[in-house]
């Protein structure tokens, strides 16, 4: 976040500097407001570019074992261009290397689900997936394991056949 702020400030200086150089070459014919307007436009442009490139930059920095299972696009009235071209500001991914199975319950798998947000810290929750029933359960409150490995007190959520979390987990 801090580096993006510094980059935005430098973009403003750079755009204003270009206009000031152009004004020098044109003999001072540009209006006095051109440099501040160019600085503002440069800063807005840098901010928009940063918003739209965050998702791709974040994906490039992740290990290959992470598979994206959901993307959340952002649209806001104070950013009207997002209605034409929304950008991803949050996404969820599973770590394929963290998938665990139990031979006593072969249709169920445990996996770590990570949540990434543009200005939020990464959070992780363990999730149980039942490949045979197309259901999943977040293992955060009250879920326990029986001695044979079966889940107890889990709040199972029925999903569709093409749920990306189940497809990514069961396809491992």
C-alpha atoms as a PDB file:
ATOM      1  CA  UNK A   1       0.000   0.000   0.000  1.00  0.00           C
ATOM      2  CA  UNK A   2       2.780   2.417   0.915  1.00  0.00           C
ATOM      3  CA  UNK A   3       4.694   1.694  -2.296  1.00  0.00           C
ATOM      4  CA  UNK A   4       1.561   2.309  -4.364  1.00  0.00           C
ATOM      5  CA  UNK A   5       1.111   5.668  -2.632  1.00  0.00           C
ATOM      6  CA  UNK A   6       4.716   6.610  -3.415  1.00  0.00           C
ATOM      7  CA  UNK A   7       4.245   5.458  -7.030  1.00  0.00           C
ATOM      8  CA  UNK A   8       1.102   7.565  -7.355  1.00  0.00           C
ATOM      9  CA  UNK A   9       2.872  10.661  -6.021  1.00  0.00           C
ATOM     10  CA  UNK A  10       5.790  10.143  -8.410  1.00  0.00           C
ATOM     11  CA  UNK A  11       3.352   9.700 -11.313  1.00  0.00           C
ATOM     12  CA  UNK A  12       1.854  13.088 -10.440  1.00  0.00           C
ATOM     13  CA  UNK A  13       5.288  14.711 -10.416  1.00  0.00           C
ATOM     14  CA  UNK A  14       6.232  13.012 -13.688  1.00  0.00           C
ATOM     15  CA  UNK A  15       3.104  14.139 -15.537  1.00  0.00           C
ATOM     16  CA  UNK A  16       3.436  17.693 -14.207  1.00  0.00           C
ATOM     17  CA  UNK A  17       7.113  17.662 -15.204  1.00  0.00           C
ATOM     18  CA  UNK A  18       6.276  16.605 -18.766  1.00  0.00           C
ATOM     19  CA  UNK A  19       3.796  19.461 -19.073  1.00  0.00           C
ATOM     20  CA  UNK A  20       6.332  21.918 -17.655  1.00  0.00           C
ATOM     21  CA  UNK A  21       8.936  20.778 -20.211  1.00  0.00           C
ATOM     22  CA  UNK A  22       6.375  21.081 -23.008  1.00  0.00           C
ATOM     23  CA  UNK A  23       5.502  24.557 -21.775  1.00  0.00           C
ATOM     24  CA  UNK A  24       9.192  25.491 -21.898  1.00  0.00           C
ATOM     25  CA  UNK A  25       9.511  24.232 -25.506  1.00  0.00           C
ATOM     26  CA  UNK A  26       6.352  26.058 -26.607  1.00  0.00           C
ATOM     27  CA  UNK A  27       7.551  29.353 -25.187  1.00  0.00           C
ATOM     28  CA  UNK A  28       5.109  29.435 -22.254  1.00  0.00           C
ATOM     29  CA  UNK A  29       1.967  29.112 -24.384  1.00  0.00           C
ATOM     30  CA  UNK A  30       0.305  26.440 -22.254  1.00  0.00           C
ATOM     31  CA  UNK A  31      -2.191  27.642 -19.619  1.00  0.00           C
ATOM     32  CA  UNK A  32      -0.989  27.846 -16.023  1.00  0.00           C
ATOM     33  CA  UNK A  33      -3.462  25.183 -14.917  1.00  0.00           C
ATOM     34  CA  UNK A  34      -2.044  22.538 -17.317  1.00  0.00           C
ATOM     35  CA  UNK A  35       0.663  21.231 -14.922  1.00  0.00           C
ATOM     36  CA  UNK A  36      -1.666  20.689 -11.901  1.00  0.00           C
ATOM     37  CA  UNK A  37      -4.305  19.088 -14.135  1.00  0.00           C
ATOM     38  CA  UNK A  38      -1.668  16.780 -15.659  1.00  0.00           C
ATOM     39  CA  UNK A  39      -0.439  15.863 -12.172  1.00  0.00           C
ATOM     40  CA  UNK A  40      -3.963  14.995 -11.065  1.00  0.00           C
ATOM     41  CA  UNK A  41      -4.647  13.011 -14.226  1.00  0.00           C
ATOM     42  CA  UNK A  42      -1.386  11.111 -13.781  1.00  0.00           C
ATOM     43  CA  UNK A  43      -2.227  10.258 -10.192  1.00  0.00           C
ATOM     44  CA  UNK A  44      -5.733   9.099 -11.086  1.00  0.00           C
ATOM     45  CA  UNK A  45      -4.351   7.060 -13.981  1.00  0.00           C
ATOM     46  CA  UNK A  46      -1.762   5.430 -11.736  1.00  0.00           C
ATOM     47  CA  UNK A  47      -4.415   4.561  -9.153  1.00  0.00           C
ATOM     48  CA  UNK A  48      -6.689   2.998 -11.772  1.00  0.00           C
ATOM     49  CA  UNK A  49      -3.790   1.067 -13.288  1.00  0.00           C
ATOM     50  CA  UNK A  50      -2.819  -0.205  -9.853  1.00  0.00           C
ATOM     51  CA  UNK A  51      -6.387  -1.335  -9.130  1.00  0.00           C
ATOM     52  CA  UNK A  52      -6.700  -3.239 -12.386  1.00  0.00           C
ATOM     53  CA  UNK A  53      -3.253  -4.862 -12.182  1.00  0.00           C
ATOM     54  CA  UNK A  54      -3.445  -5.970  -8.517  1.00  0.00           C
ATOM     55  CA  UNK A  55      -5.092  -9.321  -9.241  1.00  0.00           C
ATOM     56  CA  UNK A  56      -2.621 -10.337 -11.956  1.00  0.00           C
ATOM     57  CA  UNK A  57       0.373  -9.188  -9.887  1.00  0.00           C
ATOM     58  CA  UNK A  58      -0.896 -11.144  -6.885  1.00  0.00           C
ATOM     59  CA  UNK A  59      -1.469 -14.309  -8.928  1.00  0.00           C
ATOM     60  CA  UNK A  60       2.060 -14.112 -10.342  1.00  0.00           C
ATOM     61  CA  UNK A  61       3.513 -14.013  -6.829  1.00  0.00           C
ATOM     62  CA  UNK A  62       1.598 -17.072  -5.580  1.00  0.00           C
ATOM     63  CA  UNK A  63       3.004 -20.592  -5.660  1.00  0.00           C
ATOM     64  CA  UNK A  64       1.741 -22.950  -8.358  1.00  0.00           C
ATOM     65  CA  UNK A  65      -0.025 -25.142  -5.802  1.00  0.00           C
ATOM     66  CA  UNK A  66      -2.725 -22.497  -5.246  1.00  0.00           C
ATOM     67  CA  UNK A  67      -5.831 -22.757  -7.417  1.00  0.00           C
ATOM     68  CA  UNK A  68      -8.289 -19.862  -7.602  1.00  0.00           C
ATOM     69  CA  UNK A  69     -11.826 -21.007  -6.835  1.00  0.00           C
ATOM     70  CA  UNK A  70     -13.659 -17.668  -6.758  1.00  0.00           C
ATOM     71  CA  UNK A  71     -13.102 -14.108  -7.958  1.00  0.00           C
ATOM     72  CA  UNK A  72     -15.081 -11.105  -6.708  1.00  0.00           C
ATOM     73  CA  UNK A  73     -15.323  -8.186  -9.121  1.00  0.00           C
ATOM     74  CA  UNK A  74     -15.720  -4.642  -7.863  1.00  0.00           C
ATOM     75  CA  UNK A  75     -18.181  -2.066  -9.189  1.00  0.00           C
ATOM     76  CA  UNK A  76     -18.791   1.269  -7.488  1.00  0.00           C
ATOM     77  CA  UNK A  77     -20.781   4.392  -8.319  1.00  0.00           C
ATOM     78  CA  UNK A  78     -17.808   6.622  -7.467  1.00  0.00           C
ATOM     79  CA  UNK A  79     -15.771   4.700 -10.058  1.00  0.00           C
ATOM     80  CA  UNK A  80     -18.168   4.733 -13.005  1.00  0.00           C
ATOM     81  CA  UNK A  81     -15.695   3.031 -15.371  1.00  0.00           C
ATOM     82  CA  UNK A  82     -16.023  -0.133 -13.249  1.00  0.00           C
ATOM     83  CA  UNK A  83     -19.524  -0.677 -14.631  1.00  0.00           C
ATOM     84  CA  UNK A  84     -17.969  -1.013 -18.087  1.00  0.00           C
ATOM     85  CA  UNK A  85     -14.884  -2.971 -16.976  1.00  0.00           C
ATOM     86  CA  UNK A  86     -15.052  -4.265 -13.385  1.00  0.00           C
ATOM     87  CA  UNK A  87     -11.831  -5.361 -11.691  1.00  0.00           C
ATOM     88  CA  UNK A  88     -11.110  -8.193  -9.253  1.00  0.00           C
ATOM     89  CA  UNK A  89     -10.462  -6.881  -5.760  1.00  0.00           C
ATOM     90  CA  UNK A  90     -10.938 -10.144  -3.811  1.00  0.00           C
ATOM     91  CA  UNK A  91     -10.504 -13.820  -4.531  1.00  0.00           C
ATOM     92  CA  UNK A  92     -10.403 -17.199  -2.820  1.00  0.00           C
ATOM     93  CA  UNK A  93      -7.924 -19.979  -3.543  1.00  0.00           C
ATOM     94  CA  UNK A  94      -7.169 -23.445  -2.244  1.00  0.00           C
ATOM     95  CA  UNK A  95      -3.772 -24.928  -1.632  1.00  0.00           C
ATOM     96  CA  UNK A  96      -3.748 -28.190  -3.615  1.00  0.00           C
ATOM     97  CA  UNK A  97      -0.738 -29.374  -1.629  1.00  0.00           C
ATOM     98  CA  UNK A  98      -2.728 -29.085   1.610  1.00  0.00           C
ATOM     99  CA  UNK A  99      -5.480 -31.534   0.532  1.00  0.00           C
ATOM    100  CA  UNK A 100      -5.683 -34.317   3.100  1.00  0.00           C
ATOM    101  CA  UNK A 101      -7.616 -37.571   2.870  1.00  0.00           C
ATOM    102  CA  UNK A 102      -8.496 -40.242   5.399  1.00  0.00           C
ATOM    103  CA  UNK A 103      -8.672 -43.856   4.257  1.00  0.00           C
ATOM    104  CA  UNK A 104     -11.624 -44.441   6.652  1.00  0.00           C
ATOM    105  CA  UNK A 105     -13.592 -41.649   4.930  1.00  0.00           C
ATOM    106  CA  UNK A 106     -12.274 -41.647   1.332  1.00  0.00           C
ATOM    107  CA  UNK A 107     -14.993 -39.383  -0.085  1.00  0.00           C
ATOM    108  CA  UNK A 108     -14.112 -36.539   2.274  1.00  0.00           C
ATOM    109  CA  UNK A 109     -11.129 -34.255   1.981  1.00  0.00           C
ATOM    110  CA  UNK A 110      -9.701 -31.435   4.080  1.00  0.00           C
ATOM    111  CA  UNK A 111      -8.209 -28.406   2.376  1.00  0.00           C
ATOM    112  CA  UNK A 112      -6.978 -24.929   3.336  1.00  0.00           C
ATOM    113  CA  UNK A 113      -9.021 -22.117   1.763  1.00  0.00           C
ATOM    114  CA  UNK A 114      -7.272 -18.741   1.495  1.00  0.00           C
ATOM    115  CA  UNK A 115      -9.007 -15.385   1.095  1.00  0.00           C
ATOM    116  CA  UNK A 116      -7.082 -12.560  -0.577  1.00  0.00           C
ATOM    117  CA  UNK A 117      -8.251  -8.937  -0.619  1.00  0.00           C
ATOM    118  CA  UNK A 118      -6.764  -5.826  -2.153  1.00  0.00           C
ATOM    119  CA  UNK A 119      -6.235  -3.986   1.140  1.00  0.00           C
ATOM    120  CA  UNK A 120      -6.842  -6.911   3.507  1.00  0.00           C
ATOM    121  CA  UNK A 121      -4.496  -9.403   5.097  1.00  0.00           C
ATOM    122  CA  UNK A 122      -4.663 -12.968   3.791  1.00  0.00           C
ATOM    123  CA  UNK A 123      -6.913 -15.197   5.888  1.00  0.00           C
ATOM    124  CA  UNK A 124      -7.148 -18.972   5.929  1.00  0.00           C
ATOM    125  CA  UNK A 125      -9.821 -21.421   7.033  1.00  0.00           C
ATOM    126  CA  UNK A 126      -9.828 -25.198   6.877  1.00  0.00           C
ATOM    127  CA  UNK A 127     -12.682 -26.648   4.825  1.00  0.00           C
ATOM    128  CA  UNK A 128     -14.039 -30.181   4.634  1.00  0.00           C
ATOM    129  CA  UNK A 129     -15.278 -31.298   1.224  1.00  0.00           C
ATOM    130  CA  UNK A 130     -17.495 -34.318   0.600  1.00  0.00           C
ATOM    131  CA  UNK A 131     -16.868 -35.288  -3.025  1.00  0.00           C
ATOM    132  CA  UNK A 132     -19.673 -37.886  -3.107  1.00  0.00           C
ATOM    133  CA  UNK A 133     -22.364 -35.552  -1.719  1.00  0.00           C
ATOM    134  CA  UNK A 134     -21.209 -32.297  -3.389  1.00  0.00           C
ATOM    135  CA  UNK A 135     -21.108 -30.531  -0.051  1.00  0.00           C
ATOM    136  CA  UNK A 136     -18.599 -28.653   2.045  1.00  0.00           C
ATOM    137  CA  UNK A 137     -18.249 -27.475   5.630  1.00  0.00           C
ATOM    138  CA  UNK A 138     -16.158 -24.712   7.141  1.00  0.00           C
ATOM    139  CA  UNK A 139     -14.240 -26.132  10.094  1.00  0.00           C
ATOM    140  CA  UNK A 140     -14.254 -23.066  12.284  1.00  0.00           C
ATOM    141  CA  UNK A 141     -16.931 -23.442  14.963  1.00  0.00           C
ATOM    142  CA  UNK A 142     -17.704 -26.631  16.825  1.00  0.00           C
ATOM    143  CA  UNK A 143     -16.611 -29.170  14.237  1.00  0.00           C
ATOM    144  CA  UNK A 144     -14.884 -32.195  15.723  1.00  0.00           C
ATOM    145  CA  UNK A 145     -13.475 -35.453  14.446  1.00  0.00           C
ATOM    146  CA  UNK A 146     -14.600 -38.880  15.631  1.00  0.00           C
ATOM    147  CA  UNK A 147     -12.024 -41.580  16.367  1.00  0.00           C
ATOM    148  CA  UNK A 148     -12.540 -43.045  12.875  1.00  0.00           C
ATOM    149  CA  UNK A 149     -11.969 -39.659  11.203  1.00  0.00           C
ATOM    150  CA  UNK A 150     -15.595 -38.760  10.472  1.00  0.00           C
ATOM    151  CA  UNK A 151     -16.666 -35.177  11.011  1.00  0.00           C
ATOM    152  CA  UNK A 152     -19.025 -34.416  13.880  1.00  0.00           C
ATOM    153  CA  UNK A 153     -21.062 -31.236  14.402  1.00  0.00           C
ATOM    154  CA  UNK A 154     -20.126 -29.874  10.976  1.00  0.00           C
ATOM    155  CA  UNK A 155     -22.557 -27.546   9.205  1.00  0.00           C
ATOM    156  CA  UNK A 156     -22.543 -29.035   5.705  1.00  0.00           C
ATOM    157  CA  UNK A 157     -23.475 -26.760   2.822  1.00  0.00           C
ATOM    158  CA  UNK A 158     -25.043 -28.421  -0.215  1.00  0.00           C
ATOM    159  CA  UNK A 159     -23.574 -27.090  -3.461  1.00  0.00           C
ATOM    160  CA  UNK A 160     -24.115 -27.554  -7.169  1.00  0.00           C
ATOM    161  CA  UNK A 161     -22.296 -30.156  -9.250  1.00  0.00           C
ATOM    162  CA  UNK A 162     -19.961 -27.535 -10.699  1.00  0.00           C
ATOM    163  CA  UNK A 163     -18.901 -25.777  -7.487  1.00  0.00           C
ATOM    164  CA  UNK A 164     -15.312 -24.612  -8.150  1.00  0.00           C
ATOM    165  CA  UNK A 165     -14.129 -25.406  -4.613  1.00  0.00           C
ATOM    166  CA  UNK A 166     -15.347 -28.989  -4.834  1.00  0.00           C
ATOM    167  CA  UNK A 167     -14.060 -29.431  -8.389  1.00  0.00           C
ATOM    168  CA  UNK A 168     -10.591 -28.152  -7.447  1.00  0.00           C
ATOM    169  CA  UNK A 169     -10.420 -30.206  -4.237  1.00  0.00           C
ATOM    170  CA  UNK A 170     -11.827 -33.470  -5.569  1.00  0.00           C
ATOM    171  CA  UNK A 171      -9.875 -33.257  -8.817  1.00  0.00           C
ATOM    172  CA  UNK A 172      -6.568 -33.498  -6.922  1.00  0.00           C
END
